């Protein structure tokens, strides 16, 4: 997998997590623990994208 392909795959995962976060937050009583987990995953992916983009 090339660097660009890896970045594209990470961006797709990041977007999927954003959709999951929106879905969870649109519930009448969102699970705050699940929301926190999704946010942490999303941040880790964002950091990895930034790191790979610098190479």
N, C-alpha and C. Protein backbone atom coordinates (compact mmCIF):
# COMPACT_ATOMS: atom_id res chain seq x y z
N UNK A 1 0.85 -1.17 0.00
CA UNK A 1 0.00 0.00 0.00
C UNK A 1 0.89 1.24 0.00
N UNK A 2 0.63 2.12 -0.95
CA UNK A 2 1.42 3.34 -1.02
C UNK A 2 1.00 4.31 0.08
N UNK A 3 1.80 5.32 0.26
CA UNK A 3 1.53 6.32 1.28
C UNK A 3 0.20 7.03 1.02
N UNK A 4 -0.04 7.38 -0.24
CA UNK A 4 -1.30 8.05 -0.59
C UNK A 4 -2.50 7.15 -0.34
N UNK A 5 -2.36 5.87 -0.64
CA UNK A 5 -3.45 4.93 -0.39
C UNK A 5 -3.72 4.79 1.11
N UNK A 6 -2.65 4.78 1.90
CA UNK A 6 -2.80 4.69 3.36
C UNK A 6 -3.52 5.93 3.90
N UNK A 7 -3.13 7.09 3.42
CA UNK A 7 -3.77 8.33 3.85
C UNK A 7 -5.24 8.34 3.45
N UNK A 8 -5.54 7.90 2.23
CA UNK A 8 -6.93 7.85 1.76
C UNK A 8 -7.75 6.89 2.62
N UNK A 9 -7.17 5.75 2.97
CA UNK A 9 -7.88 4.78 3.82
C UNK A 9 -8.14 5.37 5.20
N UNK A 10 -7.17 6.08 5.74
CA UNK A 10 -7.35 6.72 7.05
C UNK A 10 -8.41 7.81 6.99
N UNK A 11 -8.44 8.57 5.90
CA UNK A 11 -9.47 9.60 5.74
C UNK A 11 -10.85 8.98 5.68
N UNK A 12 -10.97 7.82 5.02
CA UNK A 12 -12.26 7.13 4.95
C UNK A 12 -12.69 6.66 6.34
N UNK A 13 -11.75 6.13 7.12
CA UNK A 13 -12.06 5.71 8.49
C UNK A 13 -12.47 6.91 9.34
N UNK A 14 -11.76 8.02 9.16
CA UNK A 14 -12.06 9.24 9.90
C UNK A 14 -13.49 9.71 9.59
N UNK A 15 -13.87 9.67 8.32
CA UNK A 15 -15.22 10.07 7.92
C UNK A 15 -16.26 9.11 8.48
N UNK A 16 -15.96 7.82 8.49
CA UNK A 16 -16.90 6.84 9.04
C UNK A 16 -17.11 7.08 10.54
N UNK A 17 -16.06 7.44 11.23
CA UNK A 17 -16.18 7.75 12.66
C UNK A 17 -17.00 9.01 12.87
N UNK A 18 -16.85 9.98 11.98
CA UNK A 18 -17.65 11.20 12.07
C UNK A 18 -19.14 10.88 11.92
N UNK A 19 -19.46 10.00 10.98
CA UNK A 19 -20.85 9.59 10.77
C UNK A 19 -21.37 8.86 12.01
N UNK A 20 -20.55 7.98 12.58
CA UNK A 20 -20.95 7.26 13.78
C UNK A 20 -21.17 8.21 14.96
N UNK A 21 -20.31 9.22 15.07
CA UNK A 21 -20.46 10.22 16.13
C UNK A 21 -21.77 11.01 15.96
N UNK A 22 -22.05 11.41 14.75
CA UNK A 22 -23.28 12.15 14.48
C UNK A 22 -24.50 11.29 14.81
N UNK A 23 -24.44 10.02 14.45
CA UNK A 23 -25.56 9.12 14.73
C UNK A 23 -25.76 8.96 16.23
N UNK A 24 -24.67 8.77 16.95
CA UNK A 24 -24.76 8.59 18.40
C UNK A 24 -25.28 9.87 19.06
N UNK A 25 -24.80 11.01 18.64
CA UNK A 25 -25.21 12.27 19.24
C UNK A 25 -26.64 12.67 18.87
N UNK A 26 -27.18 12.09 17.82
CA UNK A 26 -28.55 12.42 17.43
C UNK A 26 -29.57 11.60 18.21
N UNK A 27 -29.09 10.60 18.95
CA UNK A 27 -29.99 9.81 19.79
C UNK A 27 -30.52 10.67 20.93
N UNK A 28 -31.69 10.35 21.44
CA UNK A 28 -32.23 11.12 22.57
C UNK A 28 -31.30 11.12 23.79
N UNK A 29 -30.67 10.00 24.07
CA UNK A 29 -29.73 9.91 25.20
C UNK A 29 -28.45 9.24 24.73
N UNK A 30 -27.54 10.01 24.13
CA UNK A 30 -26.29 9.42 23.63
C UNK A 30 -25.47 8.78 24.74
N UNK A 31 -24.81 7.70 24.40
CA UNK A 31 -23.91 7.02 25.34
C UNK A 31 -22.60 7.80 25.37
N UNK A 32 -22.38 8.54 26.44
CA UNK A 32 -21.21 9.41 26.54
C UNK A 32 -19.90 8.63 26.49
N UNK A 33 -19.89 7.43 27.03
CA UNK A 33 -18.68 6.60 26.98
C UNK A 33 -18.35 6.24 25.54
N UNK A 34 -19.36 5.84 24.79
CA UNK A 34 -19.17 5.49 23.38
C UNK A 34 -18.73 6.71 22.57
N UNK A 35 -19.33 7.85 22.86
CA UNK A 35 -18.95 9.08 22.17
C UNK A 35 -17.47 9.40 22.44
N UNK A 36 -17.04 9.27 23.68
CA UNK A 36 -15.64 9.54 24.03
C UNK A 36 -14.69 8.59 23.30
N UNK A 37 -15.07 7.32 23.22
CA UNK A 37 -14.24 6.33 22.51
C UNK A 37 -14.12 6.70 21.04
N UNK A 38 -15.24 7.05 20.42
CA UNK A 38 -15.24 7.43 19.00
C UNK A 38 -14.38 8.66 18.77
N UNK A 39 -14.48 9.64 19.66
CA UNK A 39 -13.67 10.86 19.53
C UNK A 39 -12.18 10.56 19.64
N UNK A 40 -11.81 9.68 20.56
CA UNK A 40 -10.40 9.32 20.72
C UNK A 40 -9.87 8.61 19.48
N UNK A 41 -10.67 7.69 18.94
CA UNK A 41 -10.26 6.99 17.71
C UNK A 41 -10.09 7.97 16.57
N UNK A 42 -11.04 8.90 16.45
CA UNK A 42 -11.00 9.89 15.39
C UNK A 42 -9.75 10.77 15.51
N UNK A 43 -9.42 11.17 16.73
CA UNK A 43 -8.23 11.99 16.97
C UNK A 43 -6.95 11.22 16.63
N UNK A 44 -6.89 9.95 17.02
CA UNK A 44 -5.70 9.14 16.70
C UNK A 44 -5.50 9.06 15.19
N UNK A 45 -6.60 8.86 14.46
CA UNK A 45 -6.51 8.77 13.00
C UNK A 45 -6.08 10.11 12.41
N UNK A 46 -6.64 11.20 12.94
CA UNK A 46 -6.26 12.53 12.46
C UNK A 46 -4.78 12.77 12.67
N UNK A 47 -4.27 12.39 13.84
CA UNK A 47 -2.84 12.54 14.13
C UNK A 47 -1.99 11.70 13.18
N UNK A 48 -2.44 10.49 12.90
CA UNK A 48 -1.68 9.63 11.98
C UNK A 48 -1.68 10.21 10.57
N UNK A 49 -2.82 10.75 10.13
CA UNK A 49 -2.89 11.38 8.81
C UNK A 49 -1.90 12.55 8.75
N UNK A 50 -1.90 13.38 9.79
CA UNK A 50 -0.99 14.53 9.83
C UNK A 50 0.47 14.08 9.79
N UNK A 51 0.77 13.03 10.53
CA UNK A 51 2.14 12.51 10.56
C UNK A 51 2.57 11.99 9.19
N UNK A 52 1.69 11.24 8.55
CA UNK A 52 2.01 10.68 7.24
C UNK A 52 2.09 11.77 6.17
N UNK A 53 1.29 12.81 6.32
CA UNK A 53 1.29 13.90 5.34
C UNK A 53 2.59 14.68 5.36
N UNK A 54 3.26 14.67 6.48
CA UNK A 54 4.54 15.39 6.59
C UNK A 54 5.69 14.65 5.91
N UNK A 55 5.49 13.39 5.61
CA UNK A 55 6.58 12.59 5.02
C UNK A 55 6.73 12.86 3.55
